[in-house]
Amino acid sequence: MTAGAEVVELPKRSRFVYGLAGGLTDWETILPVAPWNRETNVIGGSRTSASGTPAAYVVRTDYNLAITLRLFEAELADLEALFGWAQQGPESFLWYPDADTPAQSFEVYLESPLAGESWMQARMGGYPRVSEITITLRRVDGYAWGLDFFEC
């Protein structure tokens, strides 16, 4: 950065806080995320009887949020550390949709990539120093996401 250059805080930079009390890790991404997408996963099943009558059961409905992080290569180690924590079982962590808005956070589980799943960053077209990776989060409280990326 050149002397006298103004530091610009970018909106919608994710922040993650994880670990045990006394040893918490607090990581903010440098670049903003891409617009997120909601994903609803209904656990259950349905069948139609021979007479044509449908029957169904729902065990659980998961409301997930797919977030595409944009990262510089130097940030991949931070992402790997987050995965190392979140993939160890039912370990939750705090996700702040905008690092500059500390009043809004969600306690979440990592739904993807799970332990045993491979993941790979993709180079962002036109910006070879920036990688993108999509992660999926689920709220611990089970509520649907009432979170809009774009202001109305």
N, C-alpha and C. Protein backbone atom coordinates (compact mmCIF):
# COMPACT_ATOMS: atom_id res chain seq x y z
N MET A 1 0.85 -1.17 0.00
CA MET A 1 0.00 0.00 0.00
C MET A 1 0.89 1.23 0.00
N THR A 2 0.51 2.21 -0.77
CA THR A 2 1.32 3.42 -0.83
C THR A 2 0.98 4.35 0.32
N ALA A 3 1.96 5.19 0.67
CA ALA A 3 1.75 6.13 1.77
C ALA A 3 0.59 7.05 1.45
N GLY A 4 -0.28 7.23 2.43
CA GLY A 4 -1.42 8.11 2.26
C GLY A 4 -2.61 7.46 1.57
N ALA A 5 -2.48 6.20 1.16
CA ALA A 5 -3.59 5.51 0.50
C ALA A 5 -4.68 5.21 1.52
N GLU A 6 -5.90 5.35 1.09
CA GLU A 6 -7.04 5.12 1.95
C GLU A 6 -7.37 3.63 2.00
N VAL A 7 -7.63 3.12 3.20
CA VAL A 7 -8.03 1.73 3.36
C VAL A 7 -9.54 1.65 3.19
N VAL A 8 -9.98 0.81 2.28
CA VAL A 8 -11.40 0.67 2.01
C VAL A 8 -11.86 -0.68 2.56
N GLU A 9 -12.85 -0.65 3.43
CA GLU A 9 -13.43 -1.88 3.95
C GLU A 9 -14.50 -2.35 2.97
N LEU A 10 -14.38 -3.56 2.50
CA LEU A 10 -15.34 -4.10 1.54
C LEU A 10 -16.53 -4.70 2.28
N PRO A 11 -17.74 -4.54 1.75
CA PRO A 11 -18.92 -5.12 2.41
C PRO A 11 -18.99 -6.62 2.18
N LYS A 12 -19.73 -7.29 3.05
CA LYS A 12 -20.02 -8.72 2.94
C LYS A 12 -18.77 -9.59 2.97
N ARG A 13 -17.81 -9.20 3.80
CA ARG A 13 -16.66 -10.07 4.07
C ARG A 13 -17.05 -10.97 5.22
N SER A 14 -16.92 -12.27 5.06
CA SER A 14 -17.32 -13.19 6.11
C SER A 14 -16.33 -13.17 7.27
N ARG A 15 -16.85 -13.46 8.44
CA ARG A 15 -16.03 -13.59 9.64
C ARG A 15 -16.44 -14.88 10.33
N PHE A 16 -15.45 -15.64 10.78
CA PHE A 16 -15.68 -16.91 11.44
C PHE A 16 -14.98 -16.91 12.79
N VAL A 17 -15.69 -17.34 13.83
CA VAL A 17 -15.11 -17.46 15.17
C VAL A 17 -15.35 -18.90 15.63
N TYR A 18 -14.26 -19.60 15.94
CA TYR A 18 -14.39 -21.01 16.32
C TYR A 18 -13.32 -21.39 17.33
N GLY A 19 -13.53 -22.53 17.96
CA GLY A 19 -12.59 -23.04 18.94
C GLY A 19 -13.22 -23.09 20.32
N LEU A 20 -12.39 -23.37 21.31
CA LEU A 20 -12.83 -23.45 22.69
C LEU A 20 -12.51 -22.16 23.42
N ALA A 21 -13.30 -21.85 24.45
CA ALA A 21 -13.07 -20.64 25.24
C ALA A 21 -11.61 -20.59 25.68
N GLY A 22 -11.02 -19.44 25.57
CA GLY A 22 -9.61 -19.27 25.92
C GLY A 22 -8.68 -19.50 24.75
N GLY A 23 -9.20 -20.12 23.68
CA GLY A 23 -8.37 -20.37 22.50
C GLY A 23 -9.16 -20.17 21.22
N LEU A 24 -9.98 -19.16 21.19
CA LEU A 24 -10.82 -18.91 20.02
C LEU A 24 -10.00 -18.36 18.86
N THR A 25 -10.37 -18.78 17.68
CA THR A 25 -9.79 -18.23 16.46
C THR A 25 -10.83 -17.33 15.83
N ASP A 26 -10.42 -16.14 15.45
CA ASP A 26 -11.30 -15.14 14.86
C ASP A 26 -10.70 -14.76 13.51
N TRP A 27 -11.34 -15.19 12.41
CA TRP A 27 -10.80 -14.98 11.07
C TRP A 27 -11.81 -14.25 10.20
N GLU A 28 -11.34 -13.20 9.54
CA GLU A 28 -12.15 -12.45 8.58
C GLU A 28 -11.54 -12.63 7.20
N THR A 29 -12.40 -12.84 6.22
CA THR A 29 -11.91 -12.90 4.86
C THR A 29 -11.57 -11.49 4.38
N ILE A 30 -10.66 -11.41 3.46
CA ILE A 30 -10.23 -10.11 2.93
C ILE A 30 -11.21 -9.62 1.87
N LEU A 31 -11.69 -10.53 1.06
CA LEU A 31 -12.59 -10.18 -0.05
C LEU A 31 -14.04 -10.51 0.29
N PRO A 32 -14.98 -9.83 -0.33
CA PRO A 32 -16.40 -10.14 -0.09
C PRO A 32 -16.79 -11.47 -0.72
N VAL A 33 -17.83 -12.07 -0.17
CA VAL A 33 -18.36 -13.31 -0.71
C VAL A 33 -19.23 -13.01 -1.92
N ALA A 34 -19.44 -14.04 -2.74
CA ALA A 34 -20.39 -13.93 -3.84
C ALA A 34 -21.80 -14.02 -3.25
N PRO A 35 -22.82 -13.59 -3.97
CA PRO A 35 -24.18 -13.72 -3.43
C PRO A 35 -24.47 -15.17 -3.05
N TRP A 36 -24.99 -15.35 -1.85
CA TRP A 36 -25.25 -16.71 -1.37
C TRP A 36 -26.57 -17.23 -1.89
N ASN A 37 -26.73 -18.55 -1.76
CA ASN A 37 -27.93 -19.23 -2.22
C ASN A 37 -28.49 -20.09 -1.10
N ARG A 38 -29.79 -20.08 -0.99
CA ARG A 38 -30.47 -20.92 0.00
C ARG A 38 -30.72 -22.30 -0.58
N GLU A 39 -30.60 -23.28 0.28
CA GLU A 39 -30.82 -24.67 -0.14
C GLU A 39 -31.64 -25.35 0.96
N THR A 40 -32.73 -25.98 0.58
CA THR A 40 -33.57 -26.69 1.55
C THR A 40 -33.43 -28.18 1.30
N ASN A 41 -33.10 -28.90 2.35
CA ASN A 41 -32.90 -30.34 2.26
C ASN A 41 -33.92 -31.00 3.19
N VAL A 42 -34.87 -31.74 2.61
CA VAL A 42 -35.90 -32.41 3.39
C VAL A 42 -35.52 -33.87 3.53
N ILE A 43 -35.35 -34.31 4.78
CA ILE A 43 -35.02 -35.70 5.07
C ILE A 43 -36.34 -36.44 5.30
N GLY A 44 -36.59 -37.46 4.51
CA GLY A 44 -37.84 -38.20 4.63
C GLY A 44 -38.06 -39.02 3.37
N GLY A 45 -39.29 -39.25 3.06
CA GLY A 45 -39.58 -40.03 1.87
C GLY A 45 -41.04 -39.95 1.50
N SER A 46 -41.35 -40.45 0.33
CA SER A 46 -42.75 -40.48 -0.12
C SER A 46 -42.94 -41.67 -1.06
N ARG A 47 -44.12 -42.16 -1.04
CA ARG A 47 -44.52 -43.27 -1.91
C ARG A 47 -45.96 -43.04 -2.34
N THR A 48 -46.33 -43.66 -3.43
CA THR A 48 -47.70 -43.63 -3.89
C THR A 48 -48.21 -45.06 -3.91
N SER A 49 -49.36 -45.26 -3.28
CA SER A 49 -49.91 -46.61 -3.19
C SER A 49 -50.41 -47.07 -4.56
N ALA A 50 -50.75 -48.33 -4.64
CA ALA A 50 -51.26 -48.89 -5.89
C ALA A 50 -52.54 -48.20 -6.32
N SER A 51 -53.31 -47.68 -5.35
CA SER A 51 -54.55 -46.98 -5.70
C SER A 51 -54.31 -45.53 -6.08
N GLY A 52 -53.05 -45.07 -5.95
CA GLY A 52 -52.72 -43.70 -6.34
C GLY A 52 -52.73 -42.71 -5.20
N THR A 53 -52.90 -43.20 -3.98
CA THR A 53 -52.91 -42.30 -2.83
C THR A 53 -51.48 -42.05 -2.37
N PRO A 54 -51.08 -40.77 -2.31
CA PRO A 54 -49.72 -40.48 -1.87
C PRO A 54 -49.60 -40.55 -0.34
N ALA A 55 -48.42 -40.95 0.10
CA ALA A 55 -48.10 -40.95 1.53
C ALA A 55 -46.67 -40.43 1.67
N ALA A 56 -46.44 -39.68 2.72
CA ALA A 56 -45.11 -39.11 2.91
C ALA A 56 -44.81 -38.97 4.39
N TYR A 57 -43.54 -38.88 4.69
CA TYR A 57 -43.11 -38.59 6.05
C TYR A 57 -41.89 -37.69 5.97
N VAL A 58 -41.79 -36.78 6.93
CA VAL A 58 -40.67 -35.86 7.01
C VAL A 58 -40.01 -36.04 8.36
N VAL A 59 -38.74 -36.37 8.35
CA VAL A 59 -37.98 -36.53 9.58
C VAL A 59 -37.43 -35.18 10.02
N ARG A 60 -36.90 -34.44 9.06
CA ARG A 60 -36.26 -33.17 9.38
C ARG A 60 -36.14 -32.35 8.10
N THR A 61 -36.21 -31.04 8.26
CA THR A 61 -35.96 -30.13 7.16
C THR A 61 -34.76 -29.27 7.53
N ASP A 62 -33.74 -29.30 6.69
CA ASP A 62 -32.54 -28.49 6.91
C ASP A 62 -32.57 -27.31 5.97
N TYR A 63 -32.35 -26.14 6.53
CA TYR A 63 -32.27 -24.92 5.75
C TYR A 63 -30.80 -24.53 5.68
N ASN A 64 -30.21 -24.73 4.53
CA ASN A 64 -28.78 -24.49 4.35
C ASN A 64 -28.55 -23.22 3.56
N LEU A 65 -27.32 -22.71 3.70
CA LEU A 65 -26.92 -21.54 2.95
C LEU A 65 -25.59 -21.86 2.28
N ALA A 66 -25.57 -21.79 0.95
CA ALA A 66 -24.35 -22.03 0.18
C ALA A 66 -23.65 -20.70 -0.03
N ILE A 67 -22.42 -20.60 0.48
CA ILE A 67 -21.67 -19.36 0.43
C ILE A 67 -20.41 -19.59 -0.38
N THR A 68 -20.19 -18.77 -1.39
CA THR A 68 -18.97 -18.85 -2.17
C THR A 68 -17.99 -17.82 -1.64
N LEU A 69 -16.95 -18.33 -0.97
CA LEU A 69 -15.90 -17.47 -0.43
C LEU A 69 -14.92 -17.14 -1.54
N ARG A 70 -14.43 -15.92 -1.53
CA ARG A 70 -13.37 -15.50 -2.45
C ARG A 70 -12.13 -15.27 -1.59
N LEU A 71 -11.06 -15.97 -1.92
CA LEU A 71 -9.88 -15.96 -1.06
C LEU A 71 -8.61 -15.78 -1.86
N PHE A 72 -7.65 -15.09 -1.24
CA PHE A 72 -6.29 -15.09 -1.77
C PHE A 72 -5.62 -16.38 -1.30
N GLU A 73 -4.57 -16.81 -2.00
CA GLU A 73 -3.88 -18.05 -1.63
C GLU A 73 -3.43 -18.06 -0.17
N ALA A 74 -3.00 -16.92 0.33
CA ALA A 74 -2.53 -16.84 1.72
C ALA A 74 -3.64 -17.15 2.72
N GLU A 75 -4.90 -17.02 2.30
CA GLU A 75 -6.02 -17.30 3.20
C GLU A 75 -6.43 -18.77 3.22
N LEU A 76 -5.93 -19.57 2.31
CA LEU A 76 -6.32 -20.98 2.26
C LEU A 76 -5.94 -21.72 3.54
N ALA A 77 -4.85 -21.35 4.17
CA ALA A 77 -4.47 -21.98 5.44
C ALA A 77 -5.50 -21.67 6.52
N ASP A 78 -6.05 -20.46 6.52
CA ASP A 78 -7.10 -20.12 7.47
C ASP A 78 -8.36 -20.94 7.22
N LEU A 79 -8.69 -21.14 5.96
CA LEU A 79 -9.85 -21.95 5.60
C LEU A 79 -9.64 -23.39 6.03
N GLU A 80 -8.46 -23.93 5.79
CA GLU A 80 -8.16 -25.30 6.21
C GLU A 80 -8.26 -25.46 7.72
N ALA A 81 -7.84 -24.45 8.47
CA ALA A 81 -7.96 -24.50 9.93
C ALA A 81 -9.42 -24.51 10.36
N LEU A 82 -10.25 -23.71 9.70
CA LEU A 82 -11.69 -23.72 9.98
C LEU A 82 -12.27 -25.09 9.70
N PHE A 83 -11.94 -25.67 8.54
CA PHE A 83 -12.42 -27.01 8.21
C PHE A 83 -11.94 -28.02 9.25
N GLY A 84 -10.70 -27.91 9.69
CA GLY A 84 -10.17 -28.82 10.69
C GLY A 84 -10.98 -28.81 11.96
N TRP A 85 -11.49 -27.66 12.33
CA TRP A 85 -12.34 -27.56 13.52
C TRP A 85 -13.75 -28.09 13.23
N ALA A 86 -14.35 -27.59 12.16
CA ALA A 86 -15.76 -27.85 11.89
C ALA A 86 -16.04 -29.28 11.45
N GLN A 87 -15.05 -29.99 10.91
CA GLN A 87 -15.28 -31.35 10.42
C GLN A 87 -15.07 -32.41 11.49
N GLN A 88 -14.81 -32.02 12.72
CA GLN A 88 -14.53 -32.99 13.78
C GLN A 88 -15.77 -33.55 14.45
N GLY A 89 -16.89 -33.39 13.89
CA GLY A 89 -18.11 -33.88 14.53
C GLY A 89 -19.06 -32.73 14.73
N PRO A 90 -19.82 -32.77 15.78
CA PRO A 90 -20.82 -31.70 15.95
C PRO A 90 -20.20 -30.43 16.51
N GLU A 91 -19.20 -29.90 15.84
CA GLU A 91 -18.56 -28.66 16.29
C GLU A 91 -19.19 -27.49 15.56
N SER A 92 -19.76 -26.58 16.31
CA SER A 92 -20.37 -25.40 15.72
C SER A 92 -19.40 -24.22 15.82
N PHE A 93 -19.72 -23.18 15.09
CA PHE A 93 -18.92 -21.97 15.12
C PHE A 93 -19.81 -20.79 14.76
N LEU A 94 -19.32 -19.60 14.99
CA LEU A 94 -20.07 -18.38 14.66
C LEU A 94 -19.68 -17.92 13.27
N TRP A 95 -20.69 -17.56 12.49
CA TRP A 95 -20.48 -16.97 11.18
C TRP A 95 -21.13 -15.61 11.17
N TYR A 96 -20.37 -14.60 10.79
CA TYR A 96 -20.86 -13.24 10.61
C TYR A 96 -20.96 -12.99 9.12
N PRO A 97 -22.16 -12.77 8.59
CA PRO A 97 -22.31 -12.53 7.15
C PRO A 97 -21.54 -11.31 6.66
N ASP A 98 -21.38 -10.32 7.54
CA ASP A 98 -20.61 -9.13 7.20
C ASP A 98 -19.72 -8.81 8.40
N ALA A 99 -18.42 -8.93 8.21
CA ALA A 99 -17.47 -8.72 9.31
C ALA A 99 -17.61 -7.34 9.93
N ASP A 100 -18.15 -6.39 9.19
CA ASP A 100 -18.30 -5.03 9.69
C ASP A 100 -19.62 -4.82 10.44
N THR A 101 -20.41 -5.89 10.59
CA THR A 101 -21.67 -5.82 11.33
C THR A 101 -21.62 -6.86 12.46
N PRO A 102 -20.93 -6.54 13.56
CA PRO A 102 -20.76 -7.52 14.62
C PRO A 102 -22.04 -7.91 15.35
N ALA A 103 -23.10 -7.15 15.18
CA ALA A 103 -24.36 -7.46 15.87
C ALA A 103 -25.11 -8.62 15.21
N GLN A 104 -24.72 -9.01 14.00
CA GLN A 104 -25.43 -10.08 13.30
C GLN A 104 -24.50 -11.27 13.10
N SER A 105 -24.79 -12.33 13.85
CA SER A 105 -24.02 -13.56 13.70
C SER A 105 -24.95 -14.74 13.86
N PHE A 106 -24.49 -15.89 13.39
CA PHE A 106 -25.28 -17.12 13.46
C PHE A 106 -24.38 -18.24 13.95
N GLU A 107 -24.89 -19.06 14.85
CA GLU A 107 -24.16 -20.26 15.24
C GLU A 107 -24.53 -21.33 14.21
N VAL A 108 -23.50 -21.91 13.57
CA VAL A 108 -23.74 -22.79 12.42
C VAL A 108 -22.90 -24.06 12.51
N TYR A 109 -23.34 -25.03 11.72
CA TYR A 109 -22.56 -26.24 11.44
C TYR A 109 -22.09 -26.17 9.99
N LEU A 110 -20.97 -26.79 9.71
CA LEU A 110 -20.50 -26.92 8.34
C LEU A 110 -21.17 -28.15 7.74
N GLU A 111 -21.96 -27.95 6.71
CA GLU A 111 -22.64 -29.05 6.03
C GLU A 111 -21.84 -29.57 4.84
N SER A 112 -21.01 -28.71 4.29
CA SER A 112 -20.18 -29.12 3.16
C SER A 112 -19.00 -28.16 3.04
N PRO A 113 -17.82 -28.66 2.86
CA PRO A 113 -17.46 -30.08 2.76
C PRO A 113 -17.38 -30.73 4.14
N LEU A 114 -17.88 -31.95 4.22
CA LEU A 114 -17.82 -32.74 5.44
C LEU A 114 -16.50 -33.51 5.50
N ALA A 115 -16.19 -34.04 6.66
CA ALA A 115 -15.00 -34.88 6.79
C ALA A 115 -15.11 -36.03 5.80
N GLY A 116 -14.05 -36.30 5.12
CA GLY A 116 -14.03 -37.37 4.12
C GLY A 116 -14.37 -36.89 2.71
N GLU A 117 -14.88 -35.68 2.59
CA GLU A 117 -15.17 -35.11 1.27
C GLU A 117 -13.97 -34.28 0.82
N SER A 118 -13.62 -34.43 -0.43
CA SER A 118 -12.54 -33.60 -0.95
C SER A 118 -13.10 -32.24 -1.34
N TRP A 119 -12.24 -31.26 -1.35
CA TRP A 119 -12.63 -29.93 -1.79
C TRP A 119 -11.48 -29.33 -2.56
N MET A 120 -11.80 -28.41 -3.43
CA MET A 120 -10.77 -27.77 -4.23
C MET A 120 -11.22 -26.36 -4.55
N GLN A 121 -10.31 -25.43 -4.43
CA GLN A 121 -10.65 -24.07 -4.81
C GLN A 121 -10.58 -23.95 -6.32
N ALA A 122 -11.32 -23.01 -6.86
CA ALA A 122 -11.31 -22.74 -8.29
C ALA A 122 -10.77 -21.33 -8.49
N ARG A 123 -9.90 -21.17 -9.46
CA ARG A 123 -9.38 -19.83 -9.77
C ARG A 123 -10.52 -18.98 -10.32
N MET A 124 -10.58 -17.76 -9.84
CA MET A 124 -11.62 -16.85 -10.28
C MET A 124 -11.23 -16.27 -11.63
N GLY A 125 -12.08 -16.46 -12.62
CA GLY A 125 -11.80 -15.98 -13.96
C GLY A 125 -11.46 -14.50 -13.99
N GLY A 126 -10.37 -14.16 -14.62
CA GLY A 126 -9.96 -12.77 -14.72
C GLY A 126 -9.12 -12.29 -13.54
N TYR A 127 -9.12 -13.07 -12.45
CA TYR A 127 -8.35 -12.71 -11.26
C TYR A 127 -7.59 -13.96 -10.80
N PRO A 128 -6.49 -14.33 -11.44
CA PRO A 128 -5.82 -15.59 -11.13
C PRO A 128 -5.28 -15.70 -9.70
N ARG A 129 -5.14 -14.59 -8.99
CA ARG A 129 -4.65 -14.66 -7.61
C ARG A 129 -5.77 -14.91 -6.61
N VAL A 130 -7.00 -14.91 -7.10
CA VAL A 130 -8.16 -15.11 -6.23
C VAL A 130 -8.77 -16.47 -6.52
N SER A 131 -9.07 -17.21 -5.45
CA SER A 131 -9.73 -18.50 -5.57
C SER A 131 -11.13 -18.40 -5.00
N GLU A 132 -12.01 -19.25 -5.48
CA GLU A 132 -13.37 -19.34 -4.94
C GLU A 132 -13.61 -20.76 -4.46
N ILE A 133 -14.32 -20.87 -3.35
CA ILE A 133 -14.76 -22.17 -2.86
C ILE A 133 -16.11 -21.99 -2.21
N THR A 134 -17.02 -22.90 -2.52
CA THR A 134 -18.36 -22.82 -1.95
C THR A 134 -18.44 -23.75 -0.75
N ILE A 135 -18.90 -23.19 0.36
CA ILE A 135 -19.15 -23.97 1.57
C ILE A 135 -20.64 -23.89 1.88
N THR A 136 -21.15 -24.86 2.60
CA THR A 136 -22.56 -24.87 2.96
C THR A 136 -22.68 -24.87 4.47
N LEU A 137 -23.51 -23.96 4.98
CA LEU A 137 -23.72 -23.82 6.41
C LEU A 137 -25.17 -24.11 6.77
N ARG A 138 -25.37 -24.65 7.99
CA ARG A 138 -26.71 -24.89 8.53
C ARG A 138 -26.78 -24.29 9.92
N ARG A 139 -27.82 -23.57 10.20
CA ARG A 139 -27.99 -22.95 11.52
C ARG A 139 -28.17 -24.02 12.59
N VAL A 140 -27.55 -23.82 13.75
CA VAL A 140 -27.67 -24.76 14.86
C VAL A 140 -29.11 -24.80 15.37
N ASP A 141 -29.78 -23.65 15.38
CA ASP A 141 -31.15 -23.59 15.91
C ASP A 141 -32.19 -24.18 14.96
N GLY A 142 -31.78 -24.54 13.73
CA GLY A 142 -32.68 -25.19 12.79
C GLY A 142 -33.62 -24.26 12.05
N TYR A 143 -33.58 -22.98 12.33
CA TYR A 143 -34.47 -22.05 11.66
C TYR A 143 -34.04 -21.80 10.22
N ALA A 144 -35.01 -21.37 9.41
CA ALA A 144 -34.72 -21.00 8.03
C ALA A 144 -33.92 -19.69 8.02
N TRP A 145 -33.18 -19.50 6.95
CA TRP A 145 -32.38 -18.29 6.80
C TRP A 145 -33.28 -17.15 6.35
N GLY A 146 -33.35 -16.09 7.14
CA GLY A 146 -34.08 -14.89 6.75
C GLY A 146 -33.07 -13.82 6.38
N LEU A 147 -32.15 -14.19 5.55
CA LEU A 147 -30.97 -13.37 5.29
C LEU A 147 -30.88 -13.06 3.80
N ASP A 148 -31.09 -11.82 3.45
CA ASP A 148 -31.00 -11.40 2.05
C ASP A 148 -29.62 -10.85 1.76
N PHE A 149 -29.07 -11.20 0.63
CA PHE A 149 -27.76 -10.68 0.24
C PHE A 149 -27.90 -9.23 -0.25
N PHE A 150 -28.90 -8.99 -1.07
CA PHE A 150 -29.11 -7.67 -1.64
C PHE A 150 -30.16 -6.93 -0.82
N GLU A 151 -29.87 -5.67 -0.54
CA GLU A 151 -30.85 -4.82 0.17
C GLU A 151 -32.01 -4.53 -0.77
N CYS A 152 -33.21 -4.49 -0.23
CA CYS A 152 -34.40 -4.19 -1.04
C CYS A 152 -34.53 -2.72 -1.27
